[in-house]
Amino acid sequence: LRPGDAYLHADVHGAASCILRAKRRRNSNGVTEALPLSEQALREAGTFTICKSSAWASKMVTSAWWVEPHQVSKTAPTGEYLTVGSFMVRGKKNYLPP
């Protein structure tokens, strides 16, 4: 994940993890900066995470959430264990509307 990107997931069995990449542009100083993610892009990516879950087949109404890149880690706190392919999310989750 790079600054400006978003990690999306849902608290439902089978929900997909989704990374939304921010578009980049080079400013007049030659520095590359991330453009902000649109609300529509976040909603669409959130819908994708839900439609791959068990909630979609059971027609359960739920919502996805997103976090910033610095909140996502592949390392667990001391004394805990992460299974292969898992991520640790720290801090506040930003829930999307259902």
C-alpha atoms as a PDB file:
ATOM      1  CA  LEU A   1       0.000   0.000   0.000  1.00  0.00           C
ATOM      2  CA  ARG A   2       1.130   3.514  -0.804  1.00  0.00           C
ATOM      3  CA  PRO A   3       0.081   6.806   0.792  1.00  0.00           C
ATOM      4  CA  GLY A   4      -3.361   7.797  -0.487  1.00  0.00           C
ATOM      5  CA  ASP A   5      -4.505   4.200  -1.126  1.00  0.00           C
ATOM      6  CA  ALA A   6      -7.264   2.483   0.870  1.00  0.00           C
ATOM      7  CA  TYR A   7      -7.667  -1.067   2.203  1.00  0.00           C
ATOM      8  CA  LEU A   8     -11.306  -2.257   2.198  1.00  0.00           C
ATOM      9  CA  HIS A   9     -12.884  -5.279   3.880  1.00  0.00           C
ATOM     10  CA  ALA A  10     -16.081  -6.297   5.683  1.00  0.00           C
ATOM     11  CA  ASP A  11     -16.721  -8.087   8.983  1.00  0.00           C
ATOM     12  CA  VAL A  12     -18.489 -10.984   7.245  1.00  0.00           C
ATOM     13  CA  HIS A  13     -17.282 -14.532   6.473  1.00  0.00           C
ATOM     14  CA  GLY A  14     -15.833 -14.760   2.977  1.00  0.00           C
ATOM     15  CA  ALA A  15     -15.552 -11.028   2.381  1.00  0.00           C
ATOM     16  CA  ALA A  16     -12.780 -10.115  -0.025  1.00  0.00           C
ATOM     17  CA  SER A  17      -9.916  -7.825   0.831  1.00  0.00           C
ATOM     18  CA  CYS A  18      -9.679  -4.988  -1.641  1.00  0.00           C
ATOM     19  CA  ILE A  19      -6.985  -2.384  -2.214  1.00  0.00           C
ATOM     20  CA  LEU A  20      -8.101   0.810  -3.908  1.00  0.00           C
ATOM     21  CA  ARG A  21      -5.121   2.523  -5.526  1.00  0.00           C
ATOM     22  CA  ALA A  22      -5.071   6.308  -5.646  1.00  0.00           C
ATOM     23  CA  LYS A  23      -4.224   7.990  -8.940  1.00  0.00           C
ATOM     24  CA  ARG A  24      -0.923   9.837  -8.895  1.00  0.00           C
ATOM     25  CA  ARG A  25       0.165  13.016 -10.607  1.00  0.00           C
ATOM     26  CA  ARG A  26       3.405  14.926 -10.769  1.00  0.00           C
ATOM     27  CA  ASN A  27       3.113  18.524  -9.563  1.00  0.00           C
ATOM     28  CA  SER A  28       5.055  21.522 -10.898  1.00  0.00           C
ATOM     29  CA  ASN A  29       7.957  20.814  -8.508  1.00  0.00           C
ATOM     30  CA  GLY A  30       8.380  17.311  -9.938  1.00  0.00           C
ATOM     31  CA  VAL A  31       7.009  15.633  -6.798  1.00  0.00           C
ATOM     32  CA  THR A  32       4.472  12.843  -7.291  1.00  0.00           C
ATOM     33  CA  GLU A  33       1.347  13.239  -5.158  1.00  0.00           C
ATOM     34  CA  ALA A  34      -1.725  11.058  -4.651  1.00  0.00           C
ATOM     35  CA  LEU A  35      -5.110  12.375  -5.717  1.00  0.00           C
ATOM     36  CA  PRO A  36      -7.903  11.877  -3.153  1.00  0.00           C
ATOM     37  CA  LEU A  37     -10.133   8.818  -3.557  1.00  0.00           C
ATOM     38  CA  SER A  38     -13.718   9.606  -4.520  1.00  0.00           C
ATOM     39  CA  GLU A  39     -16.673   8.565  -2.365  1.00  0.00           C
ATOM     40  CA  GLN A  40     -18.092   6.701  -5.364  1.00  0.00           C
ATOM     41  CA  ALA A  41     -14.902   4.673  -5.825  1.00  0.00           C
ATOM     42  CA  LEU A  42     -14.910   3.750  -2.114  1.00  0.00           C
ATOM     43  CA  ARG A  43     -18.596   2.699  -2.273  1.00  0.00           C
ATOM     44  CA  GLU A  44     -18.042   0.576  -5.387  1.00  0.00           C
ATOM     45  CA  ALA A  45     -14.995  -1.168  -3.903  1.00  0.00           C
ATOM     46  CA  GLY A  46     -16.959  -1.717  -0.672  1.00  0.00           C
ATOM     47  CA  THR A  47     -19.784  -3.322  -2.648  1.00  0.00           C
ATOM     48  CA  PHE A  48     -17.230  -5.628  -4.276  1.00  0.00           C
ATOM     49  CA  THR A  49     -16.013  -6.846  -0.884  1.00  0.00           C
ATOM     50  CA  ILE A  50     -19.598  -7.592   0.212  1.00  0.00           C
ATOM     51  CA  CYS A  51     -20.652  -9.367  -3.004  1.00  0.00           C
ATOM     52  CA  LYS A  52     -17.855 -11.924  -2.528  1.00  0.00           C
ATOM     53  CA  SER A  53     -19.067 -12.758   1.010  1.00  0.00           C
ATOM     54  CA  SER A  54     -21.690 -15.038   2.536  1.00  0.00           C
ATOM     55  CA  ALA A  55     -23.818 -11.943   3.223  1.00  0.00           C
ATOM     56  CA  TRP A  56     -24.525 -11.543  -0.496  1.00  0.00           C
ATOM     57  CA  ALA A  57     -26.043 -15.013  -0.949  1.00  0.00           C
ATOM     58  CA  SER A  58     -28.124 -14.706   2.218  1.00  0.00           C
ATOM     59  CA  LYS A  59     -29.303 -11.183   1.249  1.00  0.00           C
ATOM     60  CA  MET A  60     -28.040  -9.807   4.563  1.00  0.00           C
ATOM     61  CA  VAL A  61     -27.710  -6.012   4.742  1.00  0.00           C
ATOM     62  CA  THR A  62     -24.239  -5.068   5.952  1.00  0.00           C
ATOM     63  CA  SER A  63     -21.542  -2.577   5.140  1.00  0.00           C
ATOM     64  CA  ALA A  64     -17.866  -2.643   4.299  1.00  0.00           C
ATOM     65  CA  TRP A  65     -15.175  -0.479   5.866  1.00  0.00           C
ATOM     66  CA  TRP A  66     -11.928   1.110   4.753  1.00  0.00           C
ATOM     67  CA  VAL A  67      -8.710   2.169   6.448  1.00  0.00           C
ATOM     68  CA  GLU A  68      -5.633   4.134   5.456  1.00  0.00           C
ATOM     69  CA  PRO A  69      -2.386   2.361   4.477  1.00  0.00           C
ATOM     70  CA  HIS A  70      -0.532   3.089   7.732  1.00  0.00           C
ATOM     71  CA  GLN A  71      -3.231   1.156   9.668  1.00  0.00           C
ATOM     72  CA  VAL A  72      -2.580  -2.135   7.836  1.00  0.00           C
ATOM     73  CA  SER A  73       0.230  -4.481   8.837  1.00  0.00           C
ATOM     74  CA  LYS A  74       1.275  -8.073   8.227  1.00  0.00           C
ATOM     75  CA  THR A  75       2.735  -8.358  11.740  1.00  0.00           C
ATOM     76  CA  ALA A  76       0.770  -9.256  14.858  1.00  0.00           C
ATOM     77  CA  PRO A  77       1.252  -7.683  18.289  1.00  0.00           C
ATOM     78  CA  THR A  78       3.636  -9.449  20.656  1.00  0.00           C
ATOM     79  CA  GLY A  79       2.197 -12.758  21.828  1.00  0.00           C
ATOM     80  CA  GLU A  80      -0.346 -13.031  18.989  1.00  0.00           C
ATOM     81  CA  TYR A  81      -0.247 -14.939  15.712  1.00  0.00           C
ATOM     82  CA  LEU A  82      -1.520 -14.119  12.215  1.00  0.00           C
ATOM     83  CA  THR A  83      -2.372 -16.910   9.808  1.00  0.00           C
ATOM     84  CA  VAL A  84      -0.810 -16.897   6.347  1.00  0.00           C
ATOM     85  CA  GLY A  85      -2.413 -14.252   4.132  1.00  0.00           C
ATOM     86  CA  SER A  86      -3.946 -12.305   7.039  1.00  0.00           C
ATOM     87  CA  PHE A  87      -3.609  -8.620   7.815  1.00  0.00           C
ATOM     88  CA  MET A  88      -3.716  -6.772  11.140  1.00  0.00           C
ATOM     89  CA  VAL A  89      -5.769  -3.571  11.083  1.00  0.00           C
ATOM     90  CA  ARG A  90      -5.153  -1.033  13.833  1.00  0.00           C
ATOM     91  CA  GLY A  91      -7.132   2.090  14.632  1.00  0.00           C
ATOM     92  CA  LYS A  92     -10.533   3.396  13.553  1.00  0.00           C
ATOM     93  CA  LYS A  93     -12.408   1.726  10.695  1.00  0.00           C
ATOM     94  CA  ASN A  94     -14.346   4.042   8.375  1.00  0.00           C
ATOM     95  CA  TYR A  95     -17.652   2.286   7.688  1.00  0.00           C
ATOM     96  CA  LEU A  96     -19.389   2.800   4.347  1.00  0.00           C
ATOM     97  CA  PRO A  97     -23.192   3.067   4.026  1.00  0.00           C
ATOM     98  CA  PRO A  98     -24.913  -0.288   3.317  1.00  0.00           C
END
